[in-house]
Every structure is written in structure tokens, then in C-alpha cells.
Amino acid sequence: MKGRFYEIIGTILVIFSGVLYTIDRFGNWIGSGLSSNGLATFSGQGTLNKPWIDPKDNAFVIPFLVVGIMVFLYGFVRNIISRDR
């Protein structure tokens, strides 16, 4: 566990960023459906549009993804260097 700690944490952060992105898309999908049915407050014209979320829309997806990849690569390189010694 001690040798693979950074790889595990990096993997968890990358997966968590994917979960956050999925939750954000799902919330937008529900909100778009409510708006198109006229059930939401300030629903506008009630047109049906495709719910689309960009990863940049959520402030936590990109940082978790970048930090997760960096931590994973750090642990991977650290394990390779420690094996060579």
C-alpha cells in the first residue's frame, strides 16, 4: 500500500472528476427537461434543447482531473525509480 499510495490517490481523483462531470450533466439534463415542460421557474419559451455541459463549466472537474493525473504519474515514476535501485 505504501508504495502504490500516489497511484491509488491519483486514480481516485480522476474517477471522482468523472463522477462530478456525470452528476453535473445529469442535473443539467433534469433541469432542461423541467424547463421544456414549463415546470421550472423562469422556464422561458419552453423549447426543447439538447442539454450540454462542458467540463469547463464545473470549477472542480478540471482541477481534480489535472491533479489526479499528476499524482498518478508522480507515483508511477517514483515506483519505477525505486525499483531500479
PDB file of N, CA and C in Angstrom:
ATOM      1  N   MET A   1       0.825  -1.193   0.000  1.00  0.00           N
ATOM      2  CA  MET A   1       0.000   0.000   0.000  1.00  0.00           C
ATOM      3  C   MET A   1       0.864   1.250   0.000  1.00  0.00           C
ATOM      4  N   LYS A   2       1.949   1.218   0.774  1.00  0.00           N
ATOM      5  CA  LYS A   2       2.777   2.409   0.882  1.00  0.00           C
ATOM      6  C   LYS A   2       3.425   2.764  -0.456  1.00  0.00           C
ATOM      7  N   GLY A   3       3.831   1.766  -1.224  1.00  0.00           N
ATOM      8  CA  GLY A   3       4.494   2.027  -2.494  1.00  0.00           C
ATOM      9  C   GLY A   3       3.550   2.505  -3.585  1.00  0.00           C
ATOM     10  N   ARG A   4       2.276   2.151  -3.502  1.00  0.00           N
ATOM     11  CA  ARG A   4       1.321   2.497  -4.537  1.00  0.00           C
ATOM     12  C   ARG A   4       0.334   3.581  -4.090  1.00  0.00           C
ATOM     13  N   PHE A   5       0.631   4.262  -2.992  1.00  0.00           N
ATOM     14  CA  PHE A   5      -0.273   5.252  -2.424  1.00  0.00           C
ATOM     15  C   PHE A   5      -0.614   6.353  -3.428  1.00  0.00           C
ATOM     16  N   TYR A   6       0.382   6.919  -4.082  1.00  0.00           N
ATOM     17  CA  TYR A   6       0.145   8.031  -5.004  1.00  0.00           C
ATOM     18  C   TYR A   6      -0.630   7.578  -6.245  1.00  0.00           C
ATOM     19  N   GLU A   7      -0.387   6.373  -6.697  1.00  0.00           N
ATOM     20  CA  GLU A   7      -1.121   5.867  -7.849  1.00  0.00           C
ATOM     21  C   GLU A   7      -2.594   5.662  -7.504  1.00  0.00           C
ATOM     22  N   ILE A   8      -2.861   5.168  -6.309  1.00  0.00           N
ATOM     23  CA  ILE A   8      -4.246   4.954  -5.886  1.00  0.00           C
ATOM     24  C   ILE A   8      -4.965   6.286  -5.708  1.00  0.00           C
ATOM     25  N   ILE A   9      -4.314   7.242  -5.052  1.00  0.00           N
ATOM     26  CA  ILE A   9      -4.930   8.564  -4.854  1.00  0.00           C
ATOM     27  C   ILE A   9      -5.172   9.248  -6.201  1.00  0.00           C
ATOM     28  N   GLY A  10      -4.224   9.152  -7.119  1.00  0.00           N
ATOM     29  CA  GLY A  10      -4.397   9.745  -8.446  1.00  0.00           C
ATOM     30  C   GLY A  10      -5.564   9.122  -9.199  1.00  0.00           C
ATOM     31  N   THR A  11      -5.702   7.814  -9.101  1.00  0.00           N
ATOM     32  CA  THR A  11      -6.818   7.126  -9.754  1.00  0.00           C
ATOM     33  C   THR A  11      -8.148   7.550  -9.145  1.00  0.00           C
ATOM     34  N   ILE A  12      -8.191   7.668  -7.828  1.00  0.00           N
ATOM     35  CA  ILE A  12      -9.419   8.095  -7.150  1.00  0.00           C
ATOM     36  C   ILE A  12      -9.809   9.507  -7.572  1.00  0.00           C
ATOM     37  N   LEU A  13      -8.833  10.403  -7.676  1.00  0.00           N
ATOM     38  CA  LEU A  13      -9.136  11.778  -8.087  1.00  0.00           C
ATOM     39  C   LEU A  13      -9.654  11.848  -9.525  1.00  0.00           C
ATOM     40  N   VAL A  14      -9.078  11.044 -10.418  1.00  0.00           N
ATOM     41  CA  VAL A  14      -9.540  11.036 -11.806  1.00  0.00           C
ATOM     42  C   VAL A  14     -10.961  10.484 -11.886  1.00  0.00           C
ATOM     43  N   ILE A  15     -11.228   9.406 -11.153  1.00  0.00           N
ATOM     44  CA  ILE A  15     -12.573   8.833 -11.147  1.00  0.00           C
ATOM     45  C   ILE A  15     -13.568   9.824 -10.541  1.00  0.00           C
ATOM     46  N   PHE A  16     -13.165  10.520  -9.474  1.00  0.00           N
ATOM     47  CA  PHE A  16     -14.045  11.487  -8.834  1.00  0.00           C
ATOM     48  C   PHE A  16     -14.367  12.647  -9.767  1.00  0.00           C
ATOM     49  N   SER A  17     -13.398  13.069 -10.573  1.00  0.00           N
ATOM     50  CA  SER A  17     -13.693  14.141 -11.531  1.00  0.00           C
ATOM     51  C   SER A  17     -14.703  13.664 -12.569  1.00  0.00           C
ATOM     52  N   GLY A  18     -14.618  12.414 -12.976  1.00  0.00           N
ATOM     53  CA  GLY A  18     -15.609  11.857 -13.900  1.00  0.00           C
ATOM     54  C   GLY A  18     -16.986  11.773 -13.269  1.00  0.00           C
ATOM     55  N   VAL A  19     -17.045  11.408 -11.984  1.00  0.00           N
ATOM     56  CA  VAL A  19     -18.323  11.345 -11.277  1.00  0.00           C
ATOM     57  C   VAL A  19     -18.936  12.745 -11.160  1.00  0.00           C
ATOM     58  N   LEU A  20     -18.120  13.739 -10.836  1.00  0.00           N
ATOM     59  CA  LEU A  20     -18.631  15.113 -10.762  1.00  0.00           C
ATOM     60  C   LEU A  20     -19.178  15.583 -12.103  1.00  0.00           C
ATOM     61  N   TYR A  21     -18.472  15.264 -13.174  1.00  0.00           N
ATOM     62  CA  TYR A  21     -18.921  15.655 -14.505  1.00  0.00           C
ATOM     63  C   TYR A  21     -20.251  14.971 -14.841  1.00  0.00           C
ATOM     64  N   THR A  22     -20.369  13.693 -14.469  1.00  0.00           N
ATOM     65  CA  THR A  22     -21.596  12.956 -14.737  1.00  0.00           C
ATOM     66  C   THR A  22     -22.769  13.530 -13.942  1.00  0.00           C
ATOM     67  N   ILE A  23     -22.536  13.848 -12.677  1.00  0.00           N
ATOM     68  CA  ILE A  23     -23.593  14.442 -11.848  1.00  0.00           C
ATOM     69  C   ILE A  23     -24.018  15.798 -12.420  1.00  0.00           C
ATOM     70  N   ASP A  24     -23.056  16.576 -12.883  1.00  0.00           N
ATOM     71  CA  ASP A  24     -23.361  17.881 -13.465  1.00  0.00           C
ATOM     72  C   ASP A  24     -24.197  17.734 -14.731  1.00  0.00           C
ATOM     73  N   ARG A  25     -23.851  16.780 -15.580  1.00  0.00           N
ATOM     74  CA  ARG A  25     -24.629  16.540 -16.795  1.00  0.00           C
ATOM     75  C   ARG A  25     -26.025  16.055 -16.476  1.00  0.00           C
ATOM     76  N   PHE A  26     -26.134  15.184 -15.480  1.00  0.00           N
ATOM     77  CA  PHE A  26     -27.440  14.655 -15.107  1.00  0.00           C
ATOM     78  C   PHE A  26     -28.340  15.765 -14.563  1.00  0.00           C
ATOM     79  N   GLY A  27     -27.773  16.638 -13.736  1.00  0.00           N
ATOM     80  CA  GLY A  27     -28.548  17.766 -13.224  1.00  0.00           C
ATOM     81  C   GLY A  27     -28.998  18.695 -14.325  1.00  0.00           C
ATOM     82  N   ASN A  28     -28.137  18.927 -15.302  1.00  0.00           N
ATOM     83  CA  ASN A  28     -28.498  19.780 -16.433  1.00  0.00           C
ATOM     84  C   ASN A  28     -29.577  19.119 -17.287  1.00  0.00           C
ATOM     85  N   TRP A  29     -29.506  17.824 -17.435  1.00  0.00           N
ATOM     86  CA  TRP A  29     -30.498  17.083 -18.205  1.00  0.00           C
ATOM     87  C   TRP A  29     -31.870  17.191 -17.541  1.00  0.00           C
ATOM     88  N   ILE A  30     -31.915  17.049 -16.210  1.00  0.00           N
ATOM     89  CA  ILE A  30     -33.175  17.177 -15.481  1.00  0.00           C
ATOM     90  C   ILE A  30     -33.695  18.615 -15.577  1.00  0.00           C
ATOM     91  N   GLY A  31     -32.807  19.593 -15.387  1.00  0.00           N
ATOM     92  CA  GLY A  31     -33.219  20.994 -15.478  1.00  0.00           C
ATOM     93  C   GLY A  31     -33.730  21.355 -16.856  1.00  0.00           C
ATOM     94  N   SER A  32     -33.116  20.815 -17.884  1.00  0.00           N
ATOM     95  CA  SER A  32     -33.560  21.090 -19.249  1.00  0.00           C
ATOM     96  C   SER A  32     -34.929  20.461 -19.495  1.00  0.00           C
ATOM     97  N   GLY A  33     -35.136  19.289 -18.940  1.00  0.00           N
ATOM     98  CA  GLY A  33     -36.437  18.640 -19.094  1.00  0.00           C
ATOM     99  C   GLY A  33     -37.532  19.397 -18.377  1.00  0.00           C
ATOM    100  N   LEU A  34     -37.245  19.879 -17.177  1.00  0.00           N
ATOM    101  CA  LEU A  34     -38.235  20.669 -16.447  1.00  0.00           C
ATOM    102  C   LEU A  34     -38.548  21.972 -17.174  1.00  0.00           C
ATOM    103  N   SER A  35     -37.517  22.576 -17.722  1.00  0.00           N
ATOM    104  CA  SER A  35     -37.710  23.835 -18.445  1.00  0.00           C
ATOM    105  C   SER A  35     -38.539  23.619 -19.705  1.00  0.00           C
ATOM    106  N   SER A  36     -38.294  22.529 -20.406  1.00  0.00           N
ATOM    107  CA  SER A  36     -39.031  22.286 -21.650  1.00  0.00           C
ATOM    108  C   SER A  36     -40.483  21.928 -21.389  1.00  0.00           C
ATOM    109  N   ASN A  37     -40.764  21.388 -20.204  1.00  0.00           N
ATOM    110  CA  ASN A  37     -42.151  21.083 -19.859  1.00  0.00           C
ATOM    111  C   ASN A  37     -42.861  22.263 -19.217  1.00  0.00           C
ATOM    112  N   GLY A  38     -42.144  23.348 -18.978  1.00  0.00           N
ATOM    113  CA  GLY A  38     -42.737  24.522 -18.378  1.00  0.00           C
ATOM    114  C   GLY A  38     -42.917  24.404 -16.878  1.00  0.00           C
ATOM    115  N   LEU A  39     -42.230  23.463 -16.249  1.00  0.00           N
ATOM    116  CA  LEU A  39     -42.379  23.249 -14.819  1.00  0.00           C
ATOM    117  C   LEU A  39     -41.388  24.041 -13.991  1.00  0.00           C
ATOM    118  N   ALA A  40     -40.352  24.543 -14.605  1.00  0.00           N
ATOM    119  CA  ALA A  40     -39.329  25.262 -13.861  1.00  0.00           C
ATOM    120  C   ALA A  40     -39.707  26.738 -13.752  1.00  0.00           C
ATOM    121  N   THR A  41     -39.254  27.368 -12.696  1.00  0.00           N
ATOM    122  CA  THR A  41     -39.458  28.794 -12.538  1.00  0.00           C
ATOM    123  C   THR A  41     -38.605  29.519 -13.578  1.00  0.00           C
ATOM    124  N   PHE A  42     -39.127  30.528 -14.192  1.00  0.00           N
ATOM    125  CA  PHE A  42     -38.441  31.261 -15.266  1.00  0.00           C
ATOM    126  C   PHE A  42     -38.049  30.314 -16.398  1.00  0.00           C
ATOM    127  N   SER A  43     -38.993  29.495 -16.820  1.00  0.00           N
ATOM    128  CA  SER A  43     -38.677  28.477 -17.824  1.00  0.00           C
ATOM    129  C   SER A  43     -38.500  29.043 -19.221  1.00  0.00           C
ATOM    130  N   GLY A  44     -38.866  30.265 -19.439  1.00  0.00           N
ATOM    131  CA  GLY A  44     -38.656  30.855 -20.761  1.00  0.00           C
ATOM    132  C   GLY A  44     -39.718  30.408 -21.748  1.00  0.00           C
ATOM    133  N   GLN A  45     -39.284  30.103 -22.967  1.00  0.00           N
ATOM    134  CA  GLN A  45     -40.226  29.746 -24.014  1.00  0.00           C
ATOM    135  C   GLN A  45     -40.660  28.287 -23.946  1.00  0.00           C
ATOM    136  N   GLY A  46     -39.959  27.462 -23.210  1.00  0.00           N
ATOM    137  CA  GLY A  46     -40.326  26.054 -23.147  1.00  0.00           C
ATOM    138  C   GLY A  46     -39.836  25.254 -24.328  1.00  0.00           C
ATOM    139  N   THR A  47     -38.781  25.705 -24.986  1.00  0.00           N
ATOM    140  CA  THR A  47     -38.252  24.959 -26.118  1.00  0.00           C
ATOM    141  C   THR A  47     -37.407  23.802 -25.620  1.00  0.00           C
ATOM    142  N   LEU A  48     -37.401  22.754 -26.380  1.00  0.00           N
ATOM    143  CA  LEU A  48     -36.614  21.574 -26.029  1.00  0.00           C
ATOM    144  C   LEU A  48     -35.246  21.700 -26.669  1.00  0.00           C
ATOM    145  N   ASN A  49     -34.244  21.869 -25.863  1.00  0.00           N
ATOM    146  CA  ASN A  49     -32.888  21.945 -26.385  1.00  0.00           C
ATOM    147  C   ASN A  49     -32.060  20.820 -25.784  1.00  0.00           C
ATOM    148  N   LYS A  50     -31.003  20.488 -26.454  1.00  0.00           N
ATOM    149  CA  LYS A  50     -30.145  19.396 -26.015  1.00  0.00           C
ATOM    150  C   LYS A  50     -29.341  19.859 -24.803  1.00  0.00           C
ATOM    151  N   PRO A  51     -29.440  19.143 -23.688  1.00  0.00           N
ATOM    152  CA  PRO A  51     -28.641  19.541 -22.520  1.00  0.00           C
ATOM    153  C   PRO A  51     -27.169  19.253 -22.779  1.00  0.00           C
ATOM    154  N   TRP A  52     -26.366  20.265 -22.703  1.00  0.00           N
ATOM    155  CA  TRP A  52     -24.938  20.086 -22.974  1.00  0.00           C
ATOM    156  C   TRP A  52     -24.138  20.794 -21.896  1.00  0.00           C
ATOM    157  N   ILE A  53     -23.224  20.056 -21.299  1.00  0.00           N
ATOM    158  CA  ILE A  53     -22.342  20.597 -20.270  1.00  0.00           C
ATOM    159  C   ILE A  53     -20.912  20.411 -20.753  1.00  0.00           C
ATOM    160  N   ASP A  54     -20.151  21.458 -20.660  1.00  0.00           N
ATOM    161  CA  ASP A  54     -18.738  21.402 -20.988  1.00  0.00           C
ATOM    162  C   ASP A  54     -17.968  21.130 -19.695  1.00  0.00           C
ATOM    163  N   PRO A  55     -16.877  20.354 -19.724  1.00  0.00           N
ATOM    164  CA  PRO A  55     -16.116  20.122 -18.484  1.00  0.00           C
ATOM    165  C   PRO A  55     -15.618  21.407 -17.829  1.00  0.00           C
ATOM    166  N   LYS A  56     -15.483  22.475 -18.614  1.00  0.00           N
ATOM    167  CA  LYS A  56     -15.029  23.743 -18.050  1.00  0.00           C
ATOM    168  C   LYS A  56     -16.115  24.450 -17.249  1.00  0.00           C
ATOM    169  N   ASP A  57     -17.367  24.006 -17.372  1.00  0.00           N
ATOM    170  CA  ASP A  57     -18.464  24.651 -16.649  1.00  0.00           C
ATOM    171  C   ASP A  57     -18.403  24.391 -15.153  1.00  0.00           C
ATOM    172  N   ASN A  58     -17.891  23.258 -14.749  1.00  0.00           N
ATOM    173  CA  ASN A  58     -17.763  22.935 -13.333  1.00  0.00           C
ATOM    174  C   ASN A  58     -16.349  23.287 -12.884  1.00  0.00           C
ATOM    175  N   ALA A  59     -16.242  24.018 -11.793  1.00  0.00           N
ATOM    176  CA  ALA A  59     -14.937  24.504 -11.338  1.00  0.00           C
ATOM    177  C   ALA A  59     -14.067  23.410 -10.744  1.00  0.00           C
ATOM    178  N   PHE A  60     -14.616  22.239 -10.464  1.00  0.00           N
ATOM    179  CA  PHE A  60     -13.847  21.195  -9.803  1.00  0.00           C
ATOM    180  C   PHE A  60     -13.415  20.060 -10.726  1.00  0.00           C
ATOM    181  N   VAL A  61     -14.036  19.912 -11.882  1.00  0.00           N
ATOM    182  CA  VAL A  61     -13.729  18.775 -12.752  1.00  0.00           C
ATOM    183  C   VAL A  61     -12.300  18.857 -13.282  1.00  0.00           C
ATOM    184  N   ILE A  62     -11.928  19.965 -13.882  1.00  0.00           N
ATOM    185  CA  ILE A  62     -10.593  20.100 -14.469  1.00  0.00           C
ATOM    186  C   ILE A  62      -9.492  20.032 -13.407  1.00  0.00           C
ATOM    187  N   PRO A  63      -9.613  20.749 -12.270  1.00  0.00           N
ATOM    188  CA  PRO A  63      -8.547  20.630 -11.261  1.00  0.00           C
ATOM    189  C   PRO A  63      -8.383  19.214 -10.710  1.00  0.00           C
ATOM    190  N   PHE A  64      -9.490  18.518 -10.430  1.00  0.00           N
ATOM    191  CA  PHE A  64      -9.376  17.148  -9.949  1.00  0.00           C
ATOM    192  C   PHE A  64      -8.736  16.250 -10.994  1.00  0.00           C
ATOM    193  N   LEU A  65      -9.079  16.460 -12.256  1.00  0.00           N
ATOM    194  CA  LEU A  65      -8.511  15.649 -13.322  1.00  0.00           C
ATOM    195  C   LEU A  65      -7.015  15.903 -13.461  1.00  0.00           C
ATOM    196  N   VAL A  66      -6.616  17.162 -13.490  1.00  0.00           N
ATOM    197  CA  VAL A  66      -5.198  17.500 -13.660  1.00  0.00           C
ATOM    198  C   VAL A  66      -4.374  17.036 -12.462  1.00  0.00           C
ATOM    199  N   VAL A  67      -4.858  17.309 -11.256  1.00  0.00           N
ATOM    200  CA  VAL A  67      -4.121  16.891 -10.052  1.00  0.00           C
ATOM    201  C   VAL A  67      -4.068  15.372  -9.970  1.00  0.00           C
ATOM    202  N   GLY A  68      -5.159  14.700 -10.317  1.00  0.00           N
ATOM    203  CA  GLY A  68      -5.172  13.242 -10.290  1.00  0.00           C
ATOM    204  C   GLY A  68      -4.170  12.638 -11.256  1.00  0.00           C
ATOM    205  N   ILE A  69      -4.089  13.185 -12.458  1.00  0.00           N
ATOM    206  CA  ILE A  69      -3.118  12.679 -13.434  1.00  0.00           C
ATOM    207  C   ILE A  69      -1.693  12.953 -12.964  1.00  0.00           C
ATOM    208  N   MET A  70      -1.457  14.149 -12.419  1.00  0.00           N
ATOM    209  CA  MET A  70      -0.103  14.473 -11.938  1.00  0.00           C
ATOM    210  C   MET A  70       0.305  13.578 -10.770  1.00  0.00           C
ATOM    211  N   VAL A  71      -0.600  13.334  -9.826  1.00  0.00           N
ATOM    212  CA  VAL A  71      -0.283  12.488  -8.677  1.00  0.00           C
ATOM    213  C   VAL A  71      -0.054  11.046  -9.129  1.00  0.00           C
ATOM    214  N   PHE A  72      -0.874  10.564 -10.064  1.00  0.00           N
ATOM    215  CA  PHE A  72      -0.685   9.216 -10.578  1.00  0.00           C
ATOM    216  C   PHE A  72       0.669   9.064 -11.263  1.00  0.00           C
ATOM    217  N   LEU A  73       1.010  10.024 -12.119  1.00  0.00           N
ATOM    218  CA  LEU A  73       2.299   9.955 -12.818  1.00  0.00           C
ATOM    219  C   LEU A  73       3.469  10.068 -11.846  1.00  0.00           C
ATOM    220  N   TYR A  74       3.328  10.907 -10.817  1.00  0.00           N
ATOM    221  CA  TYR A  74       4.372  11.015  -9.803  1.00  0.00           C
ATOM    222  C   TYR A  74       4.591   9.669  -9.106  1.00  0.00           C
ATOM    223  N   GLY A  75       3.506   9.020  -8.709  1.00  0.00           N
ATOM    224  CA  GLY A  75       3.626   7.717  -8.066  1.00  0.00           C
ATOM    225  C   GLY A  75       4.179   6.667  -8.998  1.00  0.00           C
ATOM    226  N   PHE A  76       3.796   6.720 -10.257  1.00  0.00           N
ATOM    227  CA  PHE A  76       4.287   5.760 -11.240  1.00  0.00           C
ATOM    228  C   PHE A  76       5.789   5.910 -11.453  1.00  0.00           C
ATOM    229  N   VAL A  77       6.230   7.148 -11.641  1.00  0.00           N
ATOM    230  CA  VAL A  77       7.660   7.405 -11.841  1.00  0.00           C
ATOM    231  C   VAL A  77       8.439   7.074 -10.572  1.00  0.00           C
ATOM    232  N   ARG A  78       7.891   7.400  -9.429  1.00  0.00           N
ATOM    233  CA  ARG A  78       8.549   7.101  -8.159  1.00  0.00           C
ATOM    234  C   ARG A  78       8.742   5.594  -7.970  1.00  0.00           C
ATOM    235  N   ASN A  79       7.743   4.797  -8.347  1.00  0.00           N
ATOM    236  CA  ASN A  79       7.881   3.348  -8.248  1.00  0.00           C
ATOM    237  C   ASN A  79       8.897   2.795  -9.218  1.00  0.00           C
ATOM    238  N   ILE A  80       8.964   3.364 -10.415  1.00  0.00           N
ATOM    239  CA  ILE A  80       9.962   2.903 -11.390  1.00  0.00           C
ATOM    240  C   ILE A  80      11.377   3.224 -10.904  1.00  0.00           C
ATOM    241  N   ILE A  81      11.565   4.420 -10.359  1.00  0.00           N
ATOM    242  CA  ILE A  81      12.886   4.804  -9.861  1.00  0.00           C
ATOM    243  C   ILE A  81      13.283   3.955  -8.666  1.00  0.00           C
ATOM    244  N   SER A  82      12.330   3.669  -7.764  1.00  0.00           N
ATOM    245  CA  SER A  82      12.668   2.871  -6.584  1.00  0.00           C
ATOM    246  C   SER A  82      12.940   1.422  -6.923  1.00  0.00           C
ATOM    247  N   ARG A  83      12.388   0.886  -8.005  1.00  0.00           N
ATOM    248  CA  ARG A  83      12.675  -0.480  -8.423  1.00  0.00           C
ATOM    249  C   ARG A  83      14.072  -0.617  -8.994  1.00  0.00           C
ATOM    250  N   ASP A  84      14.559   0.436  -9.637  1.00  0.00           N
ATOM    251  CA  ASP A  84      15.859   0.382 -10.267  1.00  0.00           C
ATOM    252  C   ASP A  84      16.990   0.397  -9.254  1.00  0.00           C
ATOM    253  N   ARG A  85      16.761   0.849  -8.041  1.00  0.00           N
ATOM    254  CA  ARG A  85      17.818   0.953  -7.040  1.00  0.00           C
ATOM    255  C   ARG A  85      18.135  -0.353  -6.421  1.00  0.00           C
TER     256      ARG A  85
END
